[in-house]
């Protein structure tokens, strides 16, 4: 690959690259909703066609869920293998009324494209694929390349982990590149030393066999919504500390040498990004530690009873809360779930029946060794593309399949992202800077070039 020619192709192809991205964004590939199963398959087919046009051996891997897009090109015998990961599924767009423009009609405002999936993760993996397209046009990648783009990242699913388990010998890779995060701040790329794990649950509380009149039965019959409130209040203190017995027993603190490399998080930046008047959390830990190396517990939604306009004095028969925990190295999701379930039962009030469910499979935290030879190559690529070497951080979020991939393949990780803080992944008006999108393509081109020299 002639890197100079490849970068020239990227610069000349910006308009077409944006058209390709917008076409991909118009497909509502919401993996969590069964009515969008056909849209997920459409998004997978769109990617498959583009990979095949490049000359890669590409196919859809089927399973009990949304298909995985798999492609490989092993045209450089003796050279390293780079695997590139992305996901085509997106979060539901709700609440729709908060979107300025429709979530699946890409709109450009002030150099940013607004659409569901723009930064998480379509904008990022399209940047990857455009880099591969230009690399093939400029003589072919200088190393061997595989591509995995799954359709189940947003909720976890069996297709990719099953494929990796069953084909481990054929999937050995030197480097695994994931662009699904963000810069530390504008102008400063990131290199992530790990990901938090996740345990996602539902708490269902049942009282009577049917909804009841609060005038006749208030003060007598158990109210599942009241009980959900007691449970939620008992799970976490006002100081941000999780109150589940034993929750912190296995938490492994980050290595002090790694912490010294972390770029500090500024409170004013977080306040600006969130719009909140103040921050919360364990006060004895820095903002970087709270985001990157401390476990959390958050409530995502509660349903039950009457929520429409006006009044209805009903004691609901059931109520449900959705609660997740972000986990850190050495926390075992199964152990945490067992302790959590016992504690929720203790918090329930008399007359109610409680069921705690784990949905879907949980994921352990991932720790990455940043001493492998791909790290200096990535630093040089960032410098060439963005004029700055990356800062070291950890991702506060989770890629559900990655801890299992790590246990099976043991790759050298390169975790990063082309998004910017405040891009609004998972939120209404999610967006991505088009300059970041194009810059990501150039970064990947330089990464291919640098890794090919190793």
Protein backbone atom coordinates (compact mmCIF):
# COMPACT_ATOMS: atom_id res chain seq x y z
CA UNK A 1 0.00 0.00 0.00
CA UNK A 2 1.24 3.43 -0.92
CA UNK A 3 0.25 5.44 2.16
CA UNK A 4 0.54 8.79 0.39
CA UNK A 5 -1.79 7.65 -2.38
CA UNK A 6 -4.23 6.11 0.10
CA UNK A 7 -4.48 9.34 2.10
CA UNK A 8 -5.00 11.30 -1.12
CA UNK A 9 -7.86 8.94 -2.00
CA UNK A 10 -9.39 9.53 1.43
CA UNK A 11 -9.25 13.30 0.97
CA UNK A 12 -10.72 13.12 -2.52
CA UNK A 13 -13.45 10.67 -1.40
CA UNK A 14 -14.91 12.65 1.49
CA UNK A 15 -18.19 13.50 -0.24
CA UNK A 16 -18.84 9.89 -1.26
CA UNK A 17 -17.80 8.64 2.18
CA UNK A 18 -20.45 10.86 3.76
CA UNK A 19 -23.07 9.61 1.31
CA UNK A 20 -22.18 6.03 2.25
CA UNK A 21 -22.42 6.82 5.95
CA UNK A 22 -25.79 8.53 5.58
CA UNK A 23 -27.16 5.57 3.61
CA UNK A 24 -26.09 3.22 6.43
CA UNK A 25 -27.60 5.50 9.07
CA UNK A 26 -31.03 5.44 7.41
CA UNK A 27 -31.49 1.77 8.30
CA UNK A 28 -33.13 1.52 11.77
CA UNK A 29 -31.12 -1.49 12.92
CA UNK A 30 -32.41 -1.54 16.51
CA UNK A 31 -31.37 -4.95 17.80
CA UNK A 32 -33.48 -4.81 20.97
CA UNK A 33 -36.81 -4.59 19.13
CA UNK A 34 -38.09 -7.64 17.25
CA UNK A 35 -39.91 -5.47 14.70
CA UNK A 36 -36.50 -4.29 13.47
CA UNK A 37 -35.04 -7.75 12.84
CA UNK A 38 -35.33 -7.24 9.07
CA UNK A 39 -33.61 -3.86 9.37
CA UNK A 40 -30.71 -5.47 11.23
CA UNK A 41 -30.34 -7.98 8.41
CA UNK A 42 -30.52 -5.16 5.86
CA UNK A 43 -27.68 -3.32 7.63
CA UNK A 44 -25.62 -6.51 7.70
CA UNK A 45 -26.23 -7.04 3.97
CA UNK A 46 -25.20 -3.46 3.20
CA UNK A 47 -21.86 -4.03 4.93
CA UNK A 48 -21.38 -7.43 3.33
CA UNK A 49 -21.68 -6.01 -0.18
CA UNK A 50 -19.06 -3.34 0.47
CA UNK A 51 -16.57 -5.78 1.91
CA UNK A 52 -17.04 -8.13 -1.01
CA UNK A 53 -16.51 -5.29 -3.50
CA UNK A 54 -13.11 -4.63 -1.93
CA UNK A 55 -12.09 -8.17 -2.72
CA UNK A 56 -12.37 -9.54 0.80
CA UNK A 57 -13.73 -13.03 1.46
CA UNK A 58 -16.90 -11.96 3.26
CA UNK A 59 -20.01 -13.72 4.52
CA UNK A 60 -22.77 -13.53 7.10
CA UNK A 61 -22.38 -15.78 10.13
CA UNK A 62 -25.80 -16.92 11.26
CA UNK A 63 -26.87 -18.00 14.71
CA UNK A 64 -29.51 -17.50 17.37
CA UNK A 65 -29.68 -13.76 16.88
CA UNK A 66 -28.67 -11.06 14.41
CA UNK A 67 -26.02 -12.08 11.88
CA UNK A 68 -22.34 -11.29 12.21
CA UNK A 69 -20.60 -9.73 9.20
CA UNK A 70 -17.29 -11.54 8.82
CA UNK A 71 -14.59 -10.81 6.25
CA UNK A 72 -10.92 -11.59 5.82
CA UNK A 73 -8.08 -10.95 3.43
CA UNK A 74 -4.92 -12.95 4.07
CA UNK A 75 -2.86 -11.74 1.15
CA UNK A 76 0.33 -10.97 3.11
CA UNK A 77 1.83 -14.29 4.26
CA UNK A 78 4.22 -13.82 7.14
CA UNK A 79 2.79 -10.42 8.07
CA UNK A 80 0.72 -9.74 11.22
CA UNK A 81 -3.06 -10.16 11.31
CA UNK A 82 -5.20 -7.19 12.31
CA UNK A 83 -8.83 -7.77 13.27
CA UNK A 84 -11.16 -4.76 13.11
CA UNK A 85 -14.35 -4.81 15.21
CA UNK A 86 -17.54 -2.78 14.98
CA UNK A 87 -21.30 -3.18 15.47
CA UNK A 88 -24.16 -2.21 13.20
CA UNK A 89 -26.95 -2.44 15.79
CA UNK A 90 -28.13 0.72 17.50
CA UNK A 91 -30.10 1.73 20.56
CA UNK A 92 -33.85 2.50 20.36
CA UNK A 93 -34.31 6.20 19.53
CA UNK A 94 -36.84 6.97 22.28
CA UNK A 95 -37.97 9.50 23.39
CA UNK A 96 -38.74 10.57 19.82
CA UNK A 97 -40.17 13.96 20.80
CA UNK A 98 -36.73 15.12 21.96
CA UNK A 99 -35.12 14.71 18.53
CA UNK A 100 -34.76 17.94 16.54
CA UNK A 101 -34.83 15.90 13.32
CA UNK A 102 -35.98 12.28 12.80
CA UNK A 103 -33.46 9.79 14.24
CA UNK A 104 -33.09 7.78 11.04
CA UNK A 105 -32.98 10.72 8.63
CA UNK A 106 -29.38 11.97 8.85
CA UNK A 107 -29.20 15.76 9.18
CA UNK A 108 -26.01 17.83 9.05
CA UNK A 109 -25.79 20.85 11.33
CA UNK A 110 -22.60 22.79 12.02
CA UNK A 111 -20.38 20.03 10.64
CA UNK A 112 -22.03 17.23 12.60
CA UNK A 113 -24.32 14.47 11.37
CA UNK A 114 -27.31 13.87 13.64
CA UNK A 115 -28.81 10.36 13.57
CA UNK A 116 -29.17 7.33 15.78
CA UNK A 117 -25.99 5.27 15.40
CA UNK A 118 -23.94 8.17 14.03
CA UNK A 119 -21.21 7.79 16.66
CA UNK A 120 -22.29 4.47 18.18
CA UNK A 121 -21.11 2.78 16.05
CA UNK A 122 -21.90 3.29 12.37
CA UNK A 123 -19.82 6.42 11.91
CA UNK A 124 -16.83 4.68 13.45
CA UNK A 125 -16.96 1.38 11.56
CA UNK A 126 -17.76 3.09 8.26
CA UNK A 127 -14.58 5.14 8.82
CA UNK A 128 -12.74 1.82 9.28
CA UNK A 129 -14.21 0.33 6.10
CA UNK A 130 -13.49 3.41 4.01
CA UNK A 131 -9.85 3.12 5.12
CA UNK A 132 -9.79 -0.49 3.92
CA UNK A 133 -11.39 0.55 0.64
CA UNK A 134 -8.67 3.14 0.01
CA UNK A 135 -5.96 0.72 1.13
CA UNK A 136 -7.05 -1.83 -1.48
CA UNK A 137 -7.19 0.88 -4.12
CA UNK A 138 -3.63 1.95 -3.23
CA UNK A 139 -2.01 -1.46 -3.62
CA UNK A 140 -3.62 -3.51 -0.88
CA UNK A 141 -3.24 -3.49 2.92
CA UNK A 142 0.37 -4.11 4.03
CA UNK A 143 -0.75 -6.80 6.48
CA UNK A 144 -3.52 -9.39 6.80
CA UNK A 145 -6.94 -8.08 7.80
CA UNK A 146 -10.12 -9.50 9.30
CA UNK A 147 -13.36 -7.63 9.96
CA UNK A 148 -16.06 -8.46 12.51
CA UNK A 149 -19.15 -6.25 12.57
CA UNK A 150 -21.79 -7.70 14.84
CA UNK A 151 -25.46 -6.88 15.33
CA UNK A 152 -25.85 -7.60 19.03
CA UNK A 153 -23.48 -5.29 20.88
CA UNK A 154 -26.15 -3.06 22.36
CA UNK A 155 -27.80 -5.89 24.28
CA UNK A 156 -25.38 -8.76 24.13
CA UNK A 157 -26.05 -11.85 22.06
CA UNK A 158 -24.67 -15.29 21.26
CA UNK A 159 -23.67 -15.07 17.59
CA UNK A 160 -20.17 -13.55 17.84
CA UNK A 161 -19.06 -15.33 21.06
CA UNK A 162 -20.27 -18.67 19.69
CA UNK A 163 -18.41 -18.05 16.43
CA UNK A 164 -15.20 -17.21 18.28
CA UNK A 165 -15.46 -20.24 20.58
CA UNK A 166 -16.08 -22.63 17.70
CA UNK A 167 -13.41 -21.20 15.39
CA UNK A 168 -10.67 -20.07 17.77
CA UNK A 169 -7.85 -21.78 15.87
CA UNK A 170 -8.80 -20.05 12.60
CA UNK A 171 -9.34 -16.64 14.22
CA UNK A 172 -5.97 -16.14 15.89
CA UNK A 173 -4.95 -12.52 15.47
CA UNK A 174 -1.99 -10.35 16.41
CA UNK A 175 -3.98 -7.17 16.98
CA UNK A 176 -7.63 -6.43 17.66
CA UNK A 177 -8.63 -2.86 16.84
CA UNK A 178 -11.85 -1.43 18.27
CA UNK A 179 -13.04 2.12 17.55
CA UNK A 180 -16.19 2.42 19.65
CA UNK A 181 -15.30 5.21 22.07
CA UNK A 182 -14.27 8.82 22.02
CA UNK A 183 -11.40 11.25 22.24
CA UNK A 184 -10.47 12.39 25.73
CA UNK A 185 -11.20 15.89 24.48
CA UNK A 186 -11.17 17.56 21.09
CA UNK A 187 -7.68 17.25 19.62
CA UNK A 188 -6.58 14.50 22.05
CA UNK A 189 -7.09 10.88 20.88
CA UNK A 190 -7.45 8.10 23.42
CA UNK A 191 -5.89 4.69 23.94
CA UNK A 192 -7.94 2.68 26.41
CA UNK A 193 -6.36 0.32 28.92
CA UNK A 194 -9.58 -1.54 29.59
CA UNK A 195 -13.36 -1.71 29.66
CA UNK A 196 -15.77 -2.11 32.54
CA UNK A 197 -18.03 -5.14 32.56
CA UNK A 198 -21.80 -5.05 32.96
CA UNK A 199 -24.57 -6.82 34.84
CA UNK A 200 -28.04 -5.79 33.64
CA UNK A 201 -31.12 -6.82 35.61
CA UNK A 202 -34.86 -6.48 35.98
CA UNK A 203 -36.58 -6.41 39.37
CA UNK A 204 -40.26 -7.38 39.17
CA UNK A 205 -42.43 -6.84 42.22
CA UNK A 206 -45.97 -8.24 42.41
CA UNK A 207 -48.67 -7.51 44.95
CA UNK A 208 -52.34 -8.30 44.41
CA UNK A 209 -53.67 -10.32 41.52
CA UNK A 210 -55.07 -7.19 39.83
CA UNK A 211 -54.97 -3.40 40.05
CA UNK A 212 -56.81 -2.01 43.07
CA UNK A 213 -58.66 1.19 44.06
CA UNK A 214 -56.41 3.21 46.39
CA UNK A 215 -59.39 4.57 48.33
CA UNK A 216 -60.65 1.10 49.20
CA UNK A 217 -57.30 -0.65 49.57
CA UNK A 218 -54.71 2.07 50.26
CA UNK A 219 -53.04 1.33 53.60
CA UNK A 220 -54.13 -2.30 53.37
CA UNK A 221 -52.87 -3.84 50.14
CA UNK A 222 -49.17 -3.91 49.24
CA UNK A 223 -48.17 -1.44 46.53
CA UNK A 224 -45.47 -2.84 44.22
CA UNK A 225 -44.45 0.65 43.06
CA UNK A 226 -43.88 1.73 46.64
CA UNK A 227 -41.80 -1.40 47.16
CA UNK A 228 -39.73 -0.73 44.04
CA UNK A 229 -39.03 2.72 45.50
CA UNK A 230 -37.86 1.18 48.78
CA UNK A 231 -35.62 -1.26 46.91
CA UNK A 232 -34.07 1.40 44.69
CA UNK A 233 -33.44 3.67 47.67
CA UNK A 234 -31.75 0.84 49.52
CA UNK A 235 -29.35 -0.13 46.74
CA UNK A 236 -27.21 3.00 46.74
CA UNK A 237 -26.35 5.68 49.27
CA UNK A 238 -26.42 9.42 48.75
CA UNK A 239 -22.62 9.35 48.72
CA UNK A 240 -22.65 7.17 45.58
CA UNK A 241 -21.59 4.00 47.39
CA UNK A 242 -23.41 0.79 46.44
CA UNK A 243 -24.94 -0.82 49.53
CA UNK A 244 -25.15 -4.45 48.36
CA UNK A 245 -23.28 -6.54 50.97
CA UNK A 246 -19.92 -7.69 49.62
CA UNK A 247 -20.23 -5.63 46.43
CA UNK A 248 -16.70 -4.20 46.70
CA UNK A 249 -14.98 -7.28 48.13
CA UNK A 250 -13.24 -8.34 44.89
CA UNK A 251 -12.58 -4.94 43.32
CA UNK A 252 -9.00 -4.78 42.04
CA UNK A 253 -7.60 -1.24 42.15
CA UNK A 254 -5.78 -0.10 38.99
CA UNK A 255 -2.00 -0.28 38.92
CA UNK A 256 -0.52 2.94 40.24
CA UNK A 257 1.81 3.23 37.23
CA UNK A 258 -1.21 3.10 34.91
CA UNK A 259 -3.11 5.70 36.93
CA UNK A 260 -0.17 8.10 36.56
CA UNK A 261 -0.67 7.93 32.78
CA UNK A 262 -4.38 8.76 32.89
CA UNK A 263 -5.43 12.15 31.62
CA UNK A 264 -7.33 13.91 34.43
CA UNK A 265 -11.05 14.55 33.95
CA UNK A 266 -12.06 18.15 34.59
CA UNK A 267 -15.28 18.76 36.51
CA UNK A 268 -16.25 21.72 34.34
CA UNK A 269 -16.00 19.55 31.22
CA UNK A 270 -18.37 16.94 32.67
CA UNK A 271 -20.82 19.59 33.85
CA UNK A 272 -20.86 21.10 30.36
CA UNK A 273 -21.35 17.71 28.70
CA UNK A 274 -24.16 16.62 31.01
CA UNK A 275 -25.94 19.88 31.64
CA UNK A 276 -26.23 18.86 35.31
CA UNK A 277 -25.75 21.51 38.03
CA UNK A 278 -23.48 19.26 40.12
CA UNK A 279 -21.80 15.85 40.00
CA UNK A 280 -22.20 12.87 42.31
CA UNK A 281 -20.19 9.81 43.24
CA UNK A 282 -17.76 8.53 45.82
CA UNK A 283 -16.01 11.70 46.99
CA UNK A 284 -12.81 9.93 48.03
CA UNK A 285 -12.10 8.99 44.40
CA UNK A 286 -11.15 11.26 41.51
CA UNK A 287 -13.50 11.76 38.57
CA UNK A 288 -11.23 9.59 36.42
CA UNK A 289 -11.37 6.78 38.98
CA UNK A 290 -15.15 7.05 39.31
CA UNK A 291 -15.60 6.78 35.55
CA UNK A 292 -12.90 4.25 34.75
CA UNK A 293 -12.03 1.97 37.64
CA UNK A 294 -14.88 2.03 40.15
CA UNK A 295 -18.01 -0.14 39.88
CA UNK A 296 -21.40 1.57 39.64
CA UNK A 297 -25.12 0.92 40.01
CA UNK A 298 -27.75 2.82 38.05
CA UNK A 299 -31.52 2.64 37.59
CA UNK A 300 -32.56 2.96 33.95
CA UNK A 301 -36.32 2.84 34.12
CA UNK A 302 -39.40 1.97 36.17
CA UNK A 303 -42.77 0.91 34.82
CA UNK A 304 -46.07 0.13 36.44
CA UNK A 305 -49.36 1.73 37.37
CA UNK A 306 -50.73 4.79 35.63
CA UNK A 307 -48.48 7.33 33.89
CA UNK A 308 -50.90 9.03 31.51
CA UNK A 309 -52.26 12.54 31.64
CA UNK A 310 -54.68 13.27 34.46
CA UNK A 311 -55.36 11.10 37.50
CA UNK A 312 -56.13 7.47 38.17
CA UNK A 313 -55.96 6.32 41.77
CA UNK A 314 -54.73 2.80 41.20
CA UNK A 315 -52.55 0.48 43.25
CA UNK A 316 -50.81 -1.51 40.52
CA UNK A 317 -50.60 -5.28 40.66
CA UNK A 318 -46.98 -5.21 39.50
CA UNK A 319 -44.04 -2.91 38.93
CA UNK A 320 -40.68 -3.41 37.23
CA UNK A 321 -37.34 -1.61 37.59
CA UNK A 322 -34.38 -1.96 35.25
CA UNK A 323 -31.05 -1.75 37.11
CA UNK A 324 -27.50 -2.28 35.87
CA UNK A 325 -24.08 -2.43 37.47
CA UNK A 326 -20.80 -1.61 35.71
CA UNK A 327 -18.16 -3.99 37.02
CA UNK A 328 -14.37 -3.69 37.26
CA UNK A 329 -11.52 -6.22 37.16
CA UNK A 330 -11.89 -9.26 39.44
CA UNK A 331 -15.60 -8.73 40.09
CA UNK A 332 -17.46 -11.92 39.12
CA UNK A 333 -20.88 -11.08 37.62
CA UNK A 334 -22.39 -14.34 38.92
CA UNK A 335 -21.21 -13.65 42.47
CA UNK A 336 -22.42 -10.04 42.35
CA UNK A 337 -25.81 -11.11 40.96
CA UNK A 338 -26.30 -13.66 43.73
CA UNK A 339 -25.55 -11.09 46.45
CA UNK A 340 -27.74 -8.51 44.71
CA UNK A 341 -30.68 -10.92 44.49
CA UNK A 342 -30.49 -11.78 48.19
CA UNK A 343 -30.33 -8.10 49.14
CA UNK A 344 -33.28 -7.14 46.96
CA UNK A 345 -35.35 -9.83 48.70
CA UNK A 346 -34.38 -8.31 52.06
CA UNK A 347 -35.43 -4.83 50.91
CA UNK A 348 -38.87 -5.95 49.72
CA UNK A 349 -41.85 -5.05 51.89
CA UNK A 350 -44.42 -7.50 53.37
CA UNK A 351 -47.05 -8.87 51.03
CA UNK A 352 -45.00 -8.56 47.84
CA UNK A 353 -43.30 -11.19 45.74
CA UNK A 354 -40.02 -10.29 44.08
CA UNK A 355 -38.28 -11.79 41.05
CA UNK A 356 -34.81 -10.65 40.01
CA UNK A 357 -33.74 -11.45 36.44
CA UNK A 358 -30.41 -11.08 34.65
CA UNK A 359 -30.86 -9.83 31.05
CA UNK A 360 -29.03 -10.77 28.89
CA UNK A 361 -25.76 -12.49 29.71
CA UNK A 362 -23.41 -10.39 31.81
CA UNK A 363 -19.87 -9.43 30.85
CA UNK A 364 -16.67 -9.24 32.87
CA UNK A 365 -14.33 -6.27 32.79
CA UNK A 366 -11.44 -6.28 30.33
CA UNK A 367 -7.87 -5.25 31.17
CA UNK A 368 -5.39 -4.56 28.35
CA UNK A 369 -1.61 -4.79 28.30
CA UNK A 370 -0.29 -1.63 26.67
CA UNK A 371 3.31 -2.81 26.29
CA UNK A 372 2.89 -4.65 22.99
CA UNK A 373 4.49 -3.36 19.74
CA UNK A 374 1.17 -2.19 18.31
CA UNK A 375 1.00 0.65 20.85
CA UNK A 376 3.93 2.68 19.43
CA UNK A 377 2.47 2.07 15.96
CA UNK A 378 -0.87 3.43 17.11
CA UNK A 379 0.81 6.45 18.67
CA UNK A 380 2.51 7.24 15.36
CA UNK A 381 -0.78 6.82 13.49
CA UNK A 382 -2.55 9.26 15.83
CA UNK A 383 0.25 11.78 15.40
CA UNK A 384 0.03 11.51 11.61
CA UNK A 385 -3.76 11.78 11.47
CA UNK A 386 -4.58 14.21 14.28
CA UNK A 387 -1.26 15.82 15.18
CA UNK A 388 -1.30 14.45 18.73
CA UNK A 389 -0.30 11.26 20.48
CA UNK A 390 -3.10 9.52 22.40
CA UNK A 391 -3.71 9.93 26.10
CA UNK A 392 -4.14 6.80 28.22
CA UNK A 393 -7.53 6.16 29.77
CA UNK A 394 -10.01 3.37 30.46
CA UNK A 395 -13.47 3.13 28.94
CA UNK A 396 -16.30 3.51 31.41
CA UNK A 397 -18.57 1.54 29.10
CA UNK A 398 -18.72 -2.08 28.03
CA UNK A 399 -18.38 -4.15 24.89
CA UNK A 400 -20.14 -7.31 26.09
CA UNK A 401 -18.27 -9.87 24.00
CA UNK A 402 -14.75 -8.57 24.49
CA UNK A 403 -13.86 -10.21 27.80
CA UNK A 404 -14.71 -13.60 26.30
CA UNK A 405 -12.74 -12.85 23.14
CA UNK A 406 -9.79 -11.94 25.34
CA UNK A 407 -9.98 -15.23 27.23
CA UNK A 408 -10.11 -17.24 23.99
CA UNK A 409 -7.78 -15.40 21.59
CA UNK A 410 -5.50 -13.30 23.86
CA UNK A 411 -4.99 -10.58 21.23
CA UNK A 412 -2.99 -7.39 21.57
CA UNK A 413 -5.72 -4.78 22.07
CA UNK A 414 -6.00 -1.36 20.49
CA UNK A 415 -9.11 0.25 21.98
CA UNK A 416 -9.95 3.78 20.93
CA UNK A 417 -12.69 5.88 19.38
CA UNK A 418 -13.23 8.72 16.93
CA UNK A 419 -16.15 10.34 18.76
CA UNK A 420 -16.00 13.42 20.96
CA UNK A 421 -17.26 13.93 24.51
CA UNK A 422 -20.83 15.13 24.32
CA UNK A 423 -21.74 13.31 21.09
CA UNK A 424 -24.75 11.85 22.88
CA UNK A 425 -24.47 8.13 22.22
CA UNK A 426 -27.70 6.42 23.40
CA UNK A 427 -29.38 9.85 23.74
CA UNK A 428 -31.73 11.92 21.58
CA UNK A 429 -29.86 13.98 18.98
CA UNK A 430 -26.86 11.63 18.91
CA UNK A 431 -24.30 13.06 16.50
CA UNK A 432 -20.77 12.77 15.16
CA UNK A 433 -18.38 15.38 13.83
CA UNK A 434 -17.73 14.73 10.14
CA UNK A 435 -14.15 15.94 10.63
CA UNK A 436 -13.71 13.22 13.25
CA UNK A 437 -15.26 10.69 10.87
CA UNK A 438 -12.82 11.55 8.09
CA UNK A 439 -9.92 11.82 10.53
CA UNK A 440 -10.71 8.32 11.78
CA UNK A 441 -10.34 6.99 8.25
CA UNK A 442 -6.93 8.62 7.90
CA UNK A 443 -5.88 7.27 11.32
CA UNK A 444 -6.76 3.71 10.28
CA UNK A 445 -4.80 4.11 7.05
CA UNK A 446 -1.71 5.16 8.99
CA UNK A 447 -2.26 2.34 11.49
CA UNK A 448 -2.34 -0.20 8.66
CA UNK A 449 0.88 1.29 7.32
CA UNK A 450 2.63 1.27 10.71
CA UNK A 451 1.53 -2.24 11.68
CA UNK A 452 2.59 -3.49 8.26
CA UNK A 453 6.14 -2.40 9.03
CA UNK A 454 6.37 -4.57 12.17
